[in-house]
Structure formats: C-alpha cells, structure tokens
Amino acid sequence: MSEIKELTDRIKRFRDERNWLQFHNHKDMALSLVLEAAEVLEHFQWKSPEEVVDHGKELKNEISDELADVAIYLFELADNLEIDLSEAIKKKLAKNGEKYPVEKARGRHTKYNKL
C-alpha cells in the first residue's frame, strides 16, 4: 500500500468519525484546497526574497500546518473523484518530461511552448 493511500485512509477515518462526508462535495473540497493554498501564499506575501528565506525558517511549523491542510484536501478530493493520486503524479511527470526535455529546459523557466 502506498503512503498516499495510507494517509488518505487516515484522512477518511478522521472525516467519517465526525460525519463530515456530507459536507465534502467536489466543489467545496476544491474550494477548500484553494483557500488553504492561499494561506500558504499569505506567509510570503509582500516579502523580499531575503525575507522569504528567513520567514520560512522562523515559521516553518506554521507553514508546515498549512501545507498539510493543502495535502489533506488534495488527497481526499482525489479519493472522492476516484483518482489514484500516485498514478496521476506518475503520468503527469511523464507528460512534463515530454514537454520539458532536459536538454531544452535545464536551468530555464520558459514555458514548454516557447522552448
């Protein structure tokens, strides 16, 4: 069993013990995922590159909690949609490998259609 599957099962147990599945429709899960991601972003808003590094070190635990919230919603939404997240990630990495071949993309942030 993959670690993603094990974590997803724990998330679902937590949810089900509280009878929250009734609130976890696809739209609200996707919305919650975006809102939690925005909370991650909020940690870095208006900070210089130097401040970002220091802030990341100083508030690592708080940022860790926000990233965990993002992952929890992501894992549950994928499960609710019957998407095997491990397989989806593998397929997406393969697609990205085709779009961004090392010889063209290494050290560049150019979008694939401009390489």
N, C-alpha and C. Protein backbone atom coordinates (compact mmCIF):
# COMPACT_ATOMS: atom_id res chain seq x y z
N MET A 1 0.85 -1.18 0.00
CA MET A 1 0.00 0.00 0.00
C MET A 1 0.89 1.24 0.00
N SER A 2 0.58 2.18 -0.87
CA SER A 2 1.39 3.39 -0.94
C SER A 2 1.14 4.26 0.28
N GLU A 3 2.11 5.11 0.58
CA GLU A 3 1.95 6.01 1.71
C GLU A 3 0.81 6.99 1.45
N ILE A 4 0.61 7.39 0.20
CA ILE A 4 -0.52 8.27 -0.13
C ILE A 4 -1.83 7.58 0.23
N LYS A 5 -1.96 6.31 -0.11
CA LYS A 5 -3.17 5.55 0.20
C LYS A 5 -3.37 5.43 1.70
N GLU A 6 -2.30 5.15 2.44
CA GLU A 6 -2.40 5.04 3.89
C GLU A 6 -2.84 6.37 4.51
N LEU A 7 -2.26 7.47 4.05
CA LEU A 7 -2.64 8.78 4.56
C LEU A 7 -4.09 9.12 4.19
N THR A 8 -4.48 8.79 2.98
CA THR A 8 -5.86 9.03 2.54
C THR A 8 -6.84 8.25 3.42
N ASP A 9 -6.49 7.02 3.75
CA ASP A 9 -7.36 6.22 4.62
C ASP A 9 -7.48 6.86 6.00
N ARG A 10 -6.39 7.40 6.52
CA ARG A 10 -6.43 8.08 7.83
C ARG A 10 -7.31 9.33 7.76
N ILE A 11 -7.17 10.08 6.65
CA ILE A 11 -7.97 11.29 6.45
C ILE A 11 -9.46 10.93 6.42
N LYS A 12 -9.78 9.87 5.69
CA LYS A 12 -11.18 9.45 5.58
C LYS A 12 -11.73 8.97 6.92
N ARG A 13 -10.92 8.26 7.71
CA ARG A 13 -11.36 7.83 9.04
C ARG A 13 -11.68 9.05 9.91
N PHE A 14 -10.77 10.03 9.88
CA PHE A 14 -10.96 11.27 10.64
C PHE A 14 -12.27 11.93 10.23
N ARG A 15 -12.47 12.06 8.91
CA ARG A 15 -13.69 12.68 8.37
C ARG A 15 -14.93 11.89 8.77
N ASP A 16 -14.88 10.59 8.59
CA ASP A 16 -16.05 9.75 8.83
C ASP A 16 -16.42 9.68 10.31
N GLU A 17 -15.43 9.72 11.20
CA GLU A 17 -15.71 9.72 12.64
C GLU A 17 -16.52 10.96 13.03
N ARG A 18 -16.41 12.01 12.25
CA ARG A 18 -17.09 13.28 12.53
C ARG A 18 -18.34 13.48 11.66
N ASN A 19 -18.63 12.50 10.81
CA ASN A 19 -19.77 12.57 9.90
C ASN A 19 -19.70 13.81 9.01
N TRP A 20 -18.53 14.06 8.44
CA TRP A 20 -18.33 15.24 7.60
C TRP A 20 -18.44 14.97 6.10
N LEU A 21 -18.56 13.71 5.71
CA LEU A 21 -18.64 13.41 4.28
C LEU A 21 -19.77 14.20 3.63
N GLN A 22 -20.85 14.41 4.34
CA GLN A 22 -21.99 15.15 3.80
C GLN A 22 -21.63 16.56 3.35
N PHE A 23 -20.54 17.11 3.88
CA PHE A 23 -20.10 18.46 3.52
C PHE A 23 -18.99 18.47 2.48
N HIS A 24 -18.45 17.30 2.17
CA HIS A 24 -17.25 17.22 1.35
C HIS A 24 -17.55 16.90 -0.11
N ASN A 25 -18.41 17.71 -0.72
CA ASN A 25 -18.68 17.55 -2.15
C ASN A 25 -17.47 18.09 -2.94
N HIS A 26 -17.41 17.74 -4.21
CA HIS A 26 -16.24 18.09 -5.03
C HIS A 26 -15.97 19.60 -5.06
N LYS A 27 -17.03 20.38 -5.23
CA LYS A 27 -16.86 21.84 -5.31
C LYS A 27 -16.27 22.39 -4.02
N ASP A 28 -16.85 22.01 -2.89
CA ASP A 28 -16.37 22.55 -1.62
C ASP A 28 -14.98 22.05 -1.27
N MET A 29 -14.67 20.83 -1.67
CA MET A 29 -13.31 20.32 -1.42
C MET A 29 -12.30 21.09 -2.27
N ALA A 30 -12.64 21.34 -3.54
CA ALA A 30 -11.74 22.11 -4.41
C ALA A 30 -11.58 23.53 -3.89
N LEU A 31 -12.67 24.13 -3.45
CA LEU A 31 -12.63 25.47 -2.88
C LEU A 31 -11.75 25.50 -1.63
N SER A 32 -11.91 24.53 -0.76
CA SER A 32 -11.10 24.46 0.46
C SER A 32 -9.62 24.27 0.14
N LEU A 33 -9.34 23.48 -0.87
CA LEU A 33 -7.95 23.27 -1.31
C LEU A 33 -7.31 24.59 -1.72
N VAL A 34 -8.03 25.37 -2.51
CA VAL A 34 -7.51 26.67 -2.97
C VAL A 34 -7.36 27.64 -1.80
N LEU A 35 -8.32 27.65 -0.90
CA LEU A 35 -8.24 28.55 0.25
C LEU A 35 -7.04 28.23 1.13
N GLU A 36 -6.79 26.95 1.35
CA GLU A 36 -5.63 26.56 2.15
C GLU A 36 -4.32 26.91 1.43
N ALA A 37 -4.30 26.74 0.11
CA ALA A 37 -3.11 27.12 -0.65
C ALA A 37 -2.87 28.62 -0.54
N ALA A 38 -3.94 29.40 -0.51
CA ALA A 38 -3.80 30.84 -0.35
C ALA A 38 -3.22 31.18 1.02
N GLU A 39 -3.54 30.38 2.04
CA GLU A 39 -2.96 30.61 3.36
C GLU A 39 -1.46 30.35 3.35
N VAL A 40 -1.01 29.41 2.54
CA VAL A 40 0.43 29.20 2.37
C VAL A 40 1.04 30.44 1.73
N LEU A 41 0.43 30.90 0.68
CA LEU A 41 0.92 32.07 -0.05
C LEU A 41 0.97 33.31 0.83
N GLU A 42 -0.01 33.43 1.70
CA GLU A 42 -0.08 34.60 2.57
C GLU A 42 1.19 34.74 3.43
N HIS A 43 1.82 33.65 3.75
CA HIS A 43 3.06 33.71 4.54
C HIS A 43 4.17 34.48 3.82
N PHE A 44 4.11 34.50 2.51
CA PHE A 44 5.21 35.09 1.74
C PHE A 44 4.84 36.40 1.05
N GLN A 45 3.57 36.77 1.17
CA GLN A 45 3.10 38.00 0.52
C GLN A 45 3.88 39.21 1.04
N TRP A 46 4.27 40.06 0.11
CA TRP A 46 4.92 41.34 0.37
C TRP A 46 6.32 41.21 0.96
N LYS A 47 6.91 40.06 0.87
CA LYS A 47 8.25 39.88 1.43
C LYS A 47 9.27 39.84 0.31
N SER A 48 10.44 40.37 0.59
CA SER A 48 11.54 40.31 -0.37
C SER A 48 12.08 38.88 -0.41
N PRO A 49 12.88 38.54 -1.42
CA PRO A 49 13.46 37.19 -1.46
C PRO A 49 14.24 36.85 -0.19
N GLU A 50 14.91 37.82 0.38
CA GLU A 50 15.66 37.57 1.60
C GLU A 50 14.72 37.32 2.78
N GLU A 51 13.66 38.12 2.87
CA GLU A 51 12.69 37.95 3.95
C GLU A 51 11.97 36.61 3.84
N VAL A 52 11.72 36.15 2.63
CA VAL A 52 11.05 34.88 2.42
C VAL A 52 11.85 33.74 3.03
N VAL A 53 13.16 33.76 2.81
CA VAL A 53 14.02 32.70 3.35
C VAL A 53 13.96 32.69 4.87
N ASP A 54 14.13 33.85 5.48
CA ASP A 54 14.10 33.96 6.94
C ASP A 54 12.72 33.58 7.49
N HIS A 55 11.67 34.06 6.84
CA HIS A 55 10.31 33.77 7.29
C HIS A 55 10.05 32.26 7.23
N GLY A 56 10.50 31.64 6.16
CA GLY A 56 10.32 30.19 6.02
C GLY A 56 10.98 29.41 7.14
N LYS A 57 12.13 29.89 7.58
CA LYS A 57 12.83 29.23 8.69
C LYS A 57 12.13 29.51 10.02
N GLU A 58 11.76 30.77 10.23
CA GLU A 58 11.17 31.17 11.51
C GLU A 58 9.78 30.58 11.74
N LEU A 59 8.99 30.47 10.69
CA LEU A 59 7.61 29.99 10.83
C LEU A 59 7.39 28.64 10.15
N LYS A 60 8.43 27.84 10.15
CA LYS A 60 8.38 26.53 9.48
C LYS A 60 7.21 25.68 9.99
N ASN A 61 6.96 25.68 11.29
CA ASN A 61 5.88 24.85 11.84
C ASN A 61 4.51 25.32 11.35
N GLU A 62 4.29 26.63 11.34
CA GLU A 62 3.01 27.16 10.87
C GLU A 62 2.82 26.87 9.38
N ILE A 63 3.87 27.06 8.60
CA ILE A 63 3.80 26.79 7.16
C ILE A 63 3.58 25.30 6.92
N SER A 64 4.22 24.48 7.73
CA SER A 64 4.03 23.03 7.65
C SER A 64 2.57 22.66 7.86
N ASP A 65 1.92 23.28 8.85
CA ASP A 65 0.50 23.03 9.09
C ASP A 65 -0.35 23.41 7.88
N GLU A 66 -0.05 24.54 7.27
CA GLU A 66 -0.82 24.98 6.11
C GLU A 66 -0.62 24.03 4.92
N LEU A 67 0.62 23.59 4.71
CA LEU A 67 0.88 22.64 3.63
C LEU A 67 0.17 21.31 3.89
N ALA A 68 0.12 20.91 5.15
CA ALA A 68 -0.60 19.68 5.49
C ALA A 68 -2.09 19.83 5.19
N ASP A 69 -2.66 21.00 5.48
CA ASP A 69 -4.06 21.24 5.15
C ASP A 69 -4.30 21.11 3.64
N VAL A 70 -3.39 21.66 2.85
CA VAL A 70 -3.50 21.55 1.39
C VAL A 70 -3.48 20.08 0.98
N ALA A 71 -2.54 19.34 1.52
CA ALA A 71 -2.41 17.92 1.17
C ALA A 71 -3.64 17.12 1.59
N ILE A 72 -4.17 17.41 2.77
CA ILE A 72 -5.35 16.69 3.25
C ILE A 72 -6.52 16.87 2.28
N TYR A 73 -6.77 18.12 1.90
CA TYR A 73 -7.87 18.35 0.95
C TYR A 73 -7.57 17.73 -0.41
N LEU A 74 -6.34 17.82 -0.84
CA LEU A 74 -5.95 17.23 -2.12
C LEU A 74 -6.16 15.72 -2.13
N PHE A 75 -5.66 15.06 -1.10
CA PHE A 75 -5.77 13.59 -1.04
C PHE A 75 -7.24 13.16 -0.99
N GLU A 76 -8.03 13.86 -0.18
CA GLU A 76 -9.43 13.46 -0.07
C GLU A 76 -10.19 13.74 -1.36
N LEU A 77 -9.96 14.89 -1.98
CA LEU A 77 -10.64 15.21 -3.23
C LEU A 77 -10.29 14.18 -4.31
N ALA A 78 -9.03 13.83 -4.40
CA ALA A 78 -8.62 12.81 -5.38
C ALA A 78 -9.35 11.50 -5.10
N ASP A 79 -9.42 11.11 -3.85
CA ASP A 79 -10.11 9.87 -3.48
C ASP A 79 -11.60 9.96 -3.81
N ASN A 80 -12.21 11.09 -3.47
CA ASN A 80 -13.64 11.26 -3.75
C ASN A 80 -13.94 11.18 -5.24
N LEU A 81 -12.98 11.62 -6.06
CA LEU A 81 -13.14 11.57 -7.52
C LEU A 81 -12.64 10.25 -8.11
N GLU A 82 -12.23 9.33 -7.22
CA GLU A 82 -11.70 8.03 -7.63
C GLU A 82 -10.48 8.17 -8.53
N ILE A 83 -9.61 9.10 -8.15
CA ILE A 83 -8.34 9.32 -8.85
C ILE A 83 -7.23 8.74 -7.98
N ASP A 84 -6.46 7.83 -8.56
CA ASP A 84 -5.29 7.30 -7.86
C ASP A 84 -4.20 8.35 -7.98
N LEU A 85 -3.97 9.07 -6.91
CA LEU A 85 -3.05 10.20 -6.94
C LEU A 85 -1.63 9.77 -7.28
N SER A 86 -1.20 8.61 -6.80
CA SER A 86 0.14 8.11 -7.14
C SER A 86 0.28 7.93 -8.65
N GLU A 87 -0.72 7.31 -9.26
CA GLU A 87 -0.69 7.11 -10.71
C GLU A 87 -0.80 8.42 -11.46
N ALA A 88 -1.65 9.32 -10.99
CA ALA A 88 -1.83 10.62 -11.63
C ALA A 88 -0.50 11.39 -11.63
N ILE A 89 0.21 11.34 -10.51
CA ILE A 89 1.50 12.03 -10.42
C ILE A 89 2.50 11.42 -11.38
N LYS A 90 2.56 10.11 -11.44
CA LYS A 90 3.49 9.44 -12.36
C LYS A 90 3.20 9.82 -13.81
N LYS A 91 1.91 9.80 -14.18
CA LYS A 91 1.53 10.16 -15.55
C LYS A 91 1.86 11.62 -15.85
N LYS A 92 1.60 12.50 -14.90
CA LYS A 92 1.87 13.92 -15.11
C LYS A 92 3.37 14.19 -15.23
N LEU A 93 4.17 13.51 -14.43
CA LEU A 93 5.62 13.66 -14.55
C LEU A 93 6.11 13.19 -15.92
N ALA A 94 5.53 12.12 -16.42
CA ALA A 94 5.90 11.64 -17.75
C ALA A 94 5.51 12.66 -18.82
N LYS A 95 4.31 13.23 -18.72
CA LYS A 95 3.88 14.27 -19.67
C LYS A 95 4.80 15.48 -19.58
N ASN A 96 5.12 15.90 -18.36
CA ASN A 96 6.02 17.05 -18.20
C ASN A 96 7.41 16.76 -18.74
N GLY A 97 7.85 15.52 -18.63
CA GLY A 97 9.14 15.13 -19.19
C GLY A 97 9.17 15.30 -20.70
N GLU A 98 8.05 15.02 -21.35
CA GLU A 98 7.96 15.22 -22.79
C GLU A 98 7.91 16.70 -23.15
N LYS A 99 7.16 17.47 -22.36
CA LYS A 99 7.04 18.91 -22.62
C LYS A 99 8.33 19.66 -22.32
N TYR A 100 9.03 19.20 -21.31
CA TYR A 100 10.23 19.89 -20.84
C TYR A 100 11.43 18.96 -20.86
N PRO A 101 11.92 18.61 -22.05
CA PRO A 101 13.10 17.74 -22.11
C PRO A 101 14.31 18.43 -21.46
N VAL A 102 15.09 17.64 -20.77
CA VAL A 102 16.23 18.18 -20.01
C VAL A 102 17.11 19.06 -20.88
N GLU A 103 17.42 18.60 -22.08
CA GLU A 103 18.34 19.35 -22.94
C GLU A 103 17.82 20.73 -23.33
N LYS A 104 16.50 20.93 -23.29
CA LYS A 104 15.93 22.23 -23.62
C LYS A 104 15.57 23.05 -22.38
N ALA A 105 15.18 22.37 -21.32
CA ALA A 105 14.60 23.07 -20.18
C ALA A 105 15.57 23.29 -19.01
N ARG A 106 16.67 22.59 -18.99
CA ARG A 106 17.58 22.68 -17.84
C ARG A 106 18.01 24.12 -17.58
N GLY A 107 17.73 24.58 -16.36
CA GLY A 107 18.13 25.91 -15.94
C GLY A 107 17.28 27.04 -16.49
N ARG A 108 16.16 26.70 -17.12
CA ARG A 108 15.29 27.72 -17.73
C ARG A 108 13.89 27.62 -17.15
N HIS A 109 13.22 28.73 -17.05
CA HIS A 109 11.83 28.73 -16.57
C HIS A 109 10.85 29.01 -17.70
N THR A 110 11.30 28.87 -18.93
CA THR A 110 10.49 29.12 -20.10
C THR A 110 9.37 28.11 -20.22
N LYS A 111 8.18 28.55 -20.59
CA LYS A 111 7.07 27.64 -20.80
C LYS A 111 7.37 26.70 -21.97
N TYR A 112 6.86 25.47 -21.90
CA TYR A 112 7.18 24.43 -22.87
C TYR A 112 6.95 24.85 -24.32
N ASN A 113 5.93 25.65 -24.59
CA ASN A 113 5.66 26.01 -25.98
C ASN A 113 6.59 27.11 -26.50
N LYS A 114 7.48 27.59 -25.64
CA LYS A 114 8.46 28.62 -26.05
C LYS A 114 9.88 28.09 -26.03
N LEU A 115 10.08 26.84 -25.66
CA LEU A 115 11.43 26.27 -25.62
C LEU A 115 12.00 26.08 -27.00
